[in-house]
Structure formats: C-alpha cells, structure tokens
Amino acid sequence: MLLTKIMIQLYTTNNCPYCDAVKIILKENKVKYEEYNVANDEVRREEMIKLTGMRKVPVLRNGDAFTVGADESEVMRIVNK
C-alpha cells in the first residue's frame, strides 16, 4: 500500500469567508489538504507568521511556496507547485 504525504496546508480562522472560499476551490478541484485553525493552535499560528511575516488568513502552503488570500489563480498556482 502506497502512503502519500499531504503537502498542501491551509491556515484558517473561524468565520473567515476568504478561508471558506479557498476550501471551496480546493474541494472543487479535488485537492487534499491539511487545515490548521490558527485561532485555536498557537504553534501553527507562529509557524504561519514565521512563513509569511503576517497575521492574515487564509494562507495556502505547498512546501516552500505559499499565497495569502483567496485568489483562485494563486491558489491553483500553489497547488500545482
């Protein structure tokens, strides 16, 4: 059995319409991802801030590549890295 590591990470918060928009884009494109709610997870929040230098969500990460926001073309650029 081949196990694949999920490389796509999505940093979100509660009640975030932009985060919801990114989740819809990922679902429509059948992209598997790991979601981290940075409102509840201090370790992941600090990881996100270190990566981006910002406290803004959503952050979509694939390895060293990331984007902040819900622009569909940017989301898919990161997914396809």
Protein backbone atom coordinates (compact mmCIF):
# COMPACT_ATOMS: atom_id res chain seq x y z
CA MET A 1 0.00 0.00 0.00
CA LEU A 2 1.42 3.37 -1.05
CA LEU A 3 1.06 6.17 1.50
CA THR A 4 1.21 9.74 0.26
CA LYS A 5 2.01 12.69 2.44
CA ILE A 6 -0.39 15.60 2.16
CA MET A 7 1.75 18.57 1.19
CA ILE A 8 -0.95 21.23 0.94
CA GLN A 9 -1.53 23.11 4.18
CA LEU A 10 -4.29 25.67 4.74
CA TYR A 11 -4.08 28.06 7.67
CA THR A 12 -7.52 29.44 8.60
CA THR A 13 -9.56 31.05 11.36
CA ASN A 14 -13.19 30.84 12.41
CA ASN A 15 -15.83 32.81 10.49
CA CYS A 16 -13.47 33.71 7.64
CA PRO A 17 -15.26 33.98 4.27
CA TYR A 18 -11.95 34.04 2.38
CA CYS A 19 -10.89 30.82 4.12
CA ASP A 20 -14.22 29.28 3.11
CA ALA A 21 -13.65 30.40 -0.49
CA VAL A 22 -10.26 28.66 -0.60
CA LYS A 23 -11.77 25.47 0.84
CA ILE A 24 -14.41 25.53 -1.90
CA ILE A 25 -11.74 25.96 -4.60
CA LEU A 26 -9.76 23.04 -3.18
CA LYS A 27 -12.85 20.84 -2.89
CA GLU A 28 -13.98 21.62 -6.45
CA ASN A 29 -10.52 20.64 -7.70
CA LYS A 30 -10.39 17.52 -5.50
CA VAL A 31 -7.26 18.72 -3.70
CA LYS A 32 -6.40 17.04 -0.42
CA TYR A 33 -5.10 19.36 2.25
CA GLU A 34 -4.45 19.67 5.95
CA GLU A 35 -6.29 22.53 7.66
CA TYR A 36 -4.91 24.39 10.66
CA ASN A 37 -7.18 26.76 12.57
CA VAL A 38 -4.68 29.31 13.85
CA ALA A 39 -7.26 30.84 16.18
CA ASN A 40 -7.03 27.64 18.24
CA ASP A 41 -3.47 26.48 17.53
CA GLU A 42 -0.69 28.75 18.78
CA VAL A 43 2.09 26.58 17.35
CA ARG A 44 0.60 26.66 13.85
CA ARG A 45 -0.14 30.39 14.19
CA GLU A 46 3.52 31.10 14.95
CA GLU A 47 4.54 28.81 12.08
CA MET A 48 2.28 30.80 9.73
CA ILE A 49 3.62 34.16 10.94
CA LYS A 50 7.21 32.97 10.53
CA LEU A 51 6.43 31.78 6.99
CA THR A 52 4.56 34.86 5.79
CA GLY A 53 5.57 37.64 8.15
CA MET A 54 1.85 38.39 8.53
CA ARG A 55 -1.14 37.52 10.67
CA LYS A 56 -3.53 37.33 7.71
CA VAL A 57 -5.51 34.27 6.62
CA PRO A 58 -6.09 32.26 4.59
CA VAL A 59 -2.57 31.06 3.92
CA LEU A 60 -2.15 28.19 1.49
CA ARG A 61 1.21 26.41 1.56
CA ASN A 62 2.82 23.77 -0.60
CA GLY A 63 6.35 23.10 0.60
CA ASP A 64 8.20 26.43 0.50
CA ALA A 65 5.61 28.11 -1.76
CA PHE A 66 2.67 29.98 -0.27
CA THR A 67 -0.02 32.52 -1.01
CA VAL A 68 -2.15 34.71 1.24
CA GLY A 69 -5.75 35.30 0.21
CA ALA A 70 -8.40 33.62 -1.88
CA ASP A 71 -7.45 34.44 -5.46
CA GLU A 72 -8.28 31.28 -7.42
CA SER A 73 -5.37 31.58 -9.85
CA GLU A 74 -2.93 31.99 -6.96
CA VAL A 75 -4.49 29.07 -5.08
CA MET A 76 -4.10 26.81 -8.11
CA ARG A 77 -0.53 28.06 -8.74
CA ILE A 78 0.41 26.90 -5.24
CA VAL A 79 -1.47 23.61 -5.60
CA ASN A 80 0.35 22.84 -8.84
CA LYS A 81 3.86 23.52 -7.48
